Amino acid sequence: MAKTFYETMVQDVLPAARAQIAKRMMEHGLSQKQVAERLGVSQPAISQYKRDLRGYKKGIFNDHPDLLDFIDKIAQRVAGGDLDMNGAMGELFDACEKAMKH
């Protein structure tokens, strides 16, 4: 049986997006500890994202490069303190839902 849209989002897309957001935030100069605090996860989780041990299904975005651009923008806003992770995930969920409909 195929996964529903919501199962795919929760199990595959959101973890991959969170990993990409974490990596982008570190590229903006934040430490793993700072990223962990802003994303509401542990520092070891951020280390796992960095080493592609967690949230590694980034290939899920291959058909939607516009979503990767969107993730970059979210990462900048979260890194700058303009957006919290709950808001970021809500925006990402909405963007993915729109992308899947096209």
N, C-alpha and C. Protein backbone atom coordinates (compact mmCIF):
# COMPACT_ATOMS: atom_id res chain seq x y z
N MET A 1 0.84 -1.17 0.00
CA MET A 1 0.00 0.00 0.00
C MET A 1 0.89 1.25 0.00
N ALA A 2 0.58 2.19 -0.82
CA ALA A 2 1.35 3.42 -0.93
C ALA A 2 1.07 4.32 0.27
N LYS A 3 2.09 5.11 0.61
CA LYS A 3 1.93 6.06 1.71
C LYS A 3 0.99 7.18 1.29
N THR A 4 0.26 7.70 2.25
CA THR A 4 -0.56 8.87 1.99
C THR A 4 0.35 10.09 1.93
N PHE A 5 -0.17 11.20 1.43
CA PHE A 5 0.59 12.45 1.40
C PHE A 5 1.10 12.80 2.79
N TYR A 6 0.25 12.68 3.79
CA TYR A 6 0.61 13.08 5.14
C TYR A 6 1.67 12.16 5.74
N GLU A 7 1.58 10.86 5.47
CA GLU A 7 2.62 9.94 5.93
C GLU A 7 3.96 10.27 5.29
N THR A 8 3.95 10.57 4.01
CA THR A 8 5.18 10.93 3.31
C THR A 8 5.77 12.21 3.90
N MET A 9 4.91 13.18 4.17
CA MET A 9 5.39 14.44 4.75
C MET A 9 6.07 14.20 6.10
N VAL A 10 5.40 13.48 6.97
CA VAL A 10 5.89 13.29 8.33
C VAL A 10 7.13 12.38 8.37
N GLN A 11 7.12 11.32 7.58
CA GLN A 11 8.19 10.34 7.65
C GLN A 11 9.40 10.68 6.78
N ASP A 12 9.19 11.38 5.68
CA ASP A 12 10.28 11.61 4.73
C ASP A 12 10.61 13.08 4.51
N VAL A 13 9.62 13.87 4.13
CA VAL A 13 9.88 15.24 3.70
C VAL A 13 10.31 16.14 4.86
N LEU A 14 9.56 16.17 5.93
CA LEU A 14 9.89 17.08 7.03
C LEU A 14 11.25 16.76 7.67
N PRO A 15 11.58 15.47 7.92
CA PRO A 15 12.93 15.21 8.45
C PRO A 15 14.04 15.64 7.48
N ALA A 16 13.84 15.40 6.19
CA ALA A 16 14.85 15.82 5.20
C ALA A 16 14.96 17.33 5.16
N ALA A 17 13.83 18.01 5.25
CA ALA A 17 13.84 19.48 5.25
C ALA A 17 14.52 20.01 6.50
N ARG A 18 14.23 19.41 7.66
CA ARG A 18 14.84 19.85 8.90
C ARG A 18 16.37 19.68 8.81
N ALA A 19 16.82 18.59 8.22
CA ALA A 19 18.26 18.38 8.05
C ALA A 19 18.86 19.45 7.15
N GLN A 20 18.19 19.77 6.05
CA GLN A 20 18.69 20.80 5.15
C GLN A 20 18.70 22.17 5.82
N ILE A 21 17.67 22.47 6.59
CA ILE A 21 17.61 23.74 7.31
C ILE A 21 18.77 23.82 8.30
N ALA A 22 19.02 22.73 9.02
CA ALA A 22 20.13 22.71 9.99
C ALA A 22 21.46 22.96 9.30
N LYS A 23 21.68 22.30 8.18
CA LYS A 23 22.95 22.48 7.45
C LYS A 23 23.09 23.91 6.95
N ARG A 24 22.03 24.47 6.42
CA ARG A 24 22.09 25.84 5.92
C ARG A 24 22.37 26.83 7.05
N MET A 25 21.77 26.58 8.22
CA MET A 25 21.99 27.46 9.35
C MET A 25 23.45 27.43 9.78
N MET A 26 24.07 26.25 9.75
CA MET A 26 25.49 26.15 10.09
C MET A 26 26.34 26.87 9.05
N GLU A 27 25.90 26.85 7.79
CA GLU A 27 26.61 27.59 6.75
C GLU A 27 26.53 29.10 6.99
N HIS A 28 25.50 29.53 7.73
CA HIS A 28 25.34 30.94 8.07
C HIS A 28 26.11 31.29 9.34
N GLY A 29 26.92 30.36 9.82
CA GLY A 29 27.81 30.65 10.94
C GLY A 29 27.31 30.24 12.32
N LEU A 30 26.17 29.60 12.41
CA LEU A 30 25.67 29.18 13.72
C LEU A 30 26.34 27.86 14.12
N SER A 31 26.57 27.70 15.41
CA SER A 31 27.14 26.45 15.92
C SER A 31 26.05 25.38 15.98
N GLN A 32 26.49 24.14 16.14
CA GLN A 32 25.52 23.05 16.26
C GLN A 32 24.60 23.28 17.45
N LYS A 33 25.15 23.79 18.54
CA LYS A 33 24.34 24.06 19.74
C LYS A 33 23.29 25.13 19.45
N GLN A 34 23.68 26.21 18.76
CA GLN A 34 22.74 27.27 18.43
C GLN A 34 21.64 26.76 17.50
N VAL A 35 22.03 25.97 16.51
CA VAL A 35 21.05 25.41 15.58
C VAL A 35 20.08 24.51 16.34
N ALA A 36 20.62 23.67 17.21
CA ALA A 36 19.77 22.77 17.99
C ALA A 36 18.74 23.54 18.81
N GLU A 37 19.19 24.61 19.44
CA GLU A 37 18.27 25.42 20.26
C GLU A 37 17.17 26.03 19.40
N ARG A 38 17.51 26.54 18.24
CA ARG A 38 16.52 27.19 17.38
C ARG A 38 15.57 26.19 16.73
N LEU A 39 16.07 24.98 16.48
CA LEU A 39 15.20 23.97 15.85
C LEU A 39 14.45 23.13 16.87
N GLY A 40 14.82 23.25 18.13
CA GLY A 40 14.14 22.49 19.18
C GLY A 40 14.50 21.02 19.17
N VAL A 41 15.75 20.73 18.80
CA VAL A 41 16.24 19.35 18.81
C VAL A 41 17.55 19.34 19.59
N SER A 42 18.11 18.15 19.80
CA SER A 42 19.36 18.05 20.54
C SER A 42 20.56 18.35 19.64
N GLN A 43 21.68 18.71 20.27
CA GLN A 43 22.91 18.93 19.50
C GLN A 43 23.36 17.65 18.80
N PRO A 44 23.25 16.46 19.45
CA PRO A 44 23.61 15.24 18.72
C PRO A 44 22.75 15.01 17.46
N ALA A 45 21.50 15.45 17.49
CA ALA A 45 20.66 15.33 16.29
C ALA A 45 21.24 16.19 15.17
N ILE A 46 21.70 17.39 15.51
CA ILE A 46 22.30 18.27 14.51
C ILE A 46 23.56 17.64 13.95
N SER A 47 24.35 17.02 14.80
CA SER A 47 25.55 16.33 14.34
C SER A 47 25.19 15.21 13.36
N GLN A 48 24.10 14.51 13.64
CA GLN A 48 23.66 13.44 12.74
C GLN A 48 23.15 14.02 11.42
N TYR A 49 22.48 15.15 11.46
CA TYR A 49 22.06 15.80 10.21
C TYR A 49 23.29 16.17 9.38
N LYS A 50 24.28 16.72 10.06
CA LYS A 50 25.50 17.18 9.38
C LYS A 50 26.21 16.02 8.68
N ARG A 51 26.18 14.83 9.30
CA ARG A 51 26.86 13.65 8.74
C ARG A 51 25.94 12.77 7.90
N ASP A 52 24.75 13.27 7.58
CA ASP A 52 23.77 12.53 6.78
C ASP A 52 23.38 11.19 7.39
N LEU A 53 23.34 11.12 8.71
CA LEU A 53 22.89 9.91 9.40
C LEU A 53 21.42 10.00 9.79
N ARG A 54 20.88 11.20 9.67
CA ARG A 54 19.48 11.45 10.05
C ARG A 54 18.93 12.47 9.05
N GLY A 55 17.69 12.27 8.61
CA GLY A 55 17.09 13.18 7.64
C GLY A 55 17.82 13.15 6.31
N TYR A 56 18.28 11.97 5.94
CA TYR A 56 19.16 11.82 4.77
C TYR A 56 18.43 11.70 3.44
N LYS A 57 17.14 11.74 3.41
CA LYS A 57 16.39 11.57 2.16
C LYS A 57 16.26 12.87 1.39
N LYS A 58 17.37 13.62 1.31
CA LYS A 58 17.32 14.92 0.64
C LYS A 58 17.02 14.78 -0.84
N GLY A 59 17.23 13.60 -1.41
CA GLY A 59 16.90 13.36 -2.81
C GLY A 59 15.41 13.49 -3.09
N ILE A 60 14.64 13.52 -2.03
CA ILE A 60 13.20 13.67 -2.17
C ILE A 60 12.83 14.99 -2.84
N PHE A 61 13.75 15.96 -2.80
CA PHE A 61 13.51 17.27 -3.39
C PHE A 61 13.97 17.37 -4.84
N ASN A 62 14.54 16.31 -5.39
CA ASN A 62 15.10 16.37 -6.74
C ASN A 62 14.09 16.83 -7.79
N ASP A 63 12.86 16.43 -7.64
CA ASP A 63 11.83 16.82 -8.61
C ASP A 63 11.25 18.21 -8.31
N HIS A 64 11.67 18.80 -7.21
CA HIS A 64 11.13 20.10 -6.80
C HIS A 64 12.25 21.02 -6.31
N PRO A 65 13.13 21.47 -7.21
CA PRO A 65 14.23 22.34 -6.79
C PRO A 65 13.73 23.65 -6.17
N ASP A 66 12.51 24.05 -6.53
CA ASP A 66 11.95 25.26 -5.92
C ASP A 66 11.76 25.09 -4.42
N LEU A 67 11.52 23.85 -3.98
CA LEU A 67 11.38 23.61 -2.54
C LEU A 67 12.73 23.78 -1.84
N LEU A 68 13.82 23.39 -2.50
CA LEU A 68 15.14 23.60 -1.90
C LEU A 68 15.43 25.08 -1.74
N ASP A 69 15.04 25.88 -2.73
CA ASP A 69 15.19 27.33 -2.61
C ASP A 69 14.36 27.85 -1.43
N PHE A 70 13.16 27.33 -1.31
CA PHE A 70 12.28 27.73 -0.21
C PHE A 70 12.90 27.35 1.13
N ILE A 71 13.50 26.16 1.20
CA ILE A 71 14.16 25.71 2.43
C ILE A 71 15.32 26.64 2.77
N ASP A 72 16.07 27.07 1.77
CA ASP A 72 17.16 28.02 2.02
C ASP A 72 16.63 29.30 2.64
N LYS A 73 15.52 29.80 2.13
CA LYS A 73 14.93 31.03 2.67
C LYS A 73 14.44 30.83 4.11
N ILE A 74 13.84 29.68 4.36
CA ILE A 74 13.41 29.36 5.72
C ILE A 74 14.61 29.33 6.65
N ALA A 75 15.69 28.69 6.22
CA ALA A 75 16.89 28.58 7.06
C ALA A 75 17.42 29.97 7.41
N GLN A 76 17.43 30.87 6.45
CA GLN A 76 17.90 32.23 6.71
C GLN A 76 17.02 32.92 7.75
N ARG A 77 15.72 32.73 7.63
CA ARG A 77 14.79 33.38 8.57
C ARG A 77 14.90 32.78 9.97
N VAL A 78 15.06 31.45 10.05
CA VAL A 78 15.22 30.81 11.36
C VAL A 78 16.56 31.22 11.97
N ALA A 79 17.62 31.23 11.15
CA ALA A 79 18.95 31.62 11.63
C ALA A 79 18.92 33.06 12.15
N GLY A 80 18.17 33.92 11.50
CA GLY A 80 18.08 35.32 11.90
C GLY A 80 17.12 35.58 13.04
N GLY A 81 16.41 34.55 13.48
CA GLY A 81 15.47 34.70 14.58
C GLY A 81 14.12 35.27 14.18
N ASP A 82 13.88 35.36 12.86
CA ASP A 82 12.61 35.91 12.37
C ASP A 82 11.49 34.88 12.29
N LEU A 83 11.85 33.61 12.46
CA LEU A 83 10.87 32.52 12.31
C LEU A 83 11.28 31.41 13.25
N ASP A 84 10.29 30.82 13.96
CA ASP A 84 10.61 29.66 14.79
C ASP A 84 10.35 28.38 13.99
N MET A 85 10.77 27.27 14.54
CA MET A 85 10.70 26.02 13.78
C MET A 85 9.25 25.59 13.54
N ASN A 86 8.35 25.84 14.46
CA ASN A 86 6.96 25.47 14.24
C ASN A 86 6.40 26.22 13.03
N GLY A 87 6.68 27.51 12.97
CA GLY A 87 6.24 28.30 11.83
C GLY A 87 6.89 27.83 10.55
N ALA A 88 8.18 27.49 10.63
CA ALA A 88 8.91 27.03 9.45
C ALA A 88 8.32 25.73 8.92
N MET A 89 8.01 24.80 9.80
CA MET A 89 7.45 23.52 9.36
C MET A 89 6.06 23.72 8.77
N GLY A 90 5.29 24.64 9.33
CA GLY A 90 3.97 24.93 8.78
C GLY A 90 4.08 25.50 7.38
N GLU A 91 5.00 26.43 7.18
CA GLU A 91 5.20 27.01 5.85
C GLU A 91 5.70 25.95 4.86
N LEU A 92 6.60 25.12 5.32
CA LEU A 92 7.14 24.08 4.45
C LEU A 92 6.05 23.07 4.08
N PHE A 93 5.24 22.70 5.05
CA PHE A 93 4.14 21.76 4.80
C PHE A 93 3.22 22.32 3.71
N ASP A 94 2.86 23.60 3.85
CA ASP A 94 1.99 24.23 2.86
C ASP A 94 2.64 24.26 1.48
N ALA A 95 3.93 24.58 1.43
CA ALA A 95 4.64 24.64 0.15
C ALA A 95 4.71 23.27 -0.51
N CYS A 96 4.94 22.24 0.28
CA CYS A 96 4.99 20.88 -0.26
C CYS A 96 3.63 20.43 -0.76
N GLU A 97 2.61 20.80 -0.04
CA GLU A 97 1.25 20.43 -0.45
C GLU A 97 0.94 21.07 -1.81
N LYS A 98 1.31 22.33 -1.99
CA LYS A 98 1.10 23.01 -3.28
C LYS A 98 1.92 22.35 -4.37
N ALA A 99 3.18 22.01 -4.07
CA ALA A 99 4.06 21.41 -5.08
C ALA A 99 3.53 20.04 -5.52
N MET A 100 2.97 19.28 -4.60
CA MET A 100 2.46 17.95 -4.94
C MET A 100 1.20 18.02 -5.81
N LYS A 101 0.50 19.12 -5.72
CA LYS A 101 -0.73 19.26 -6.51
C LYS A 101 -0.45 19.62 -7.94
N HIS A 102 0.77 20.09 -8.25
CA HIS A 102 1.12 20.51 -9.62
C HIS A 102 1.78 19.40 -10.37
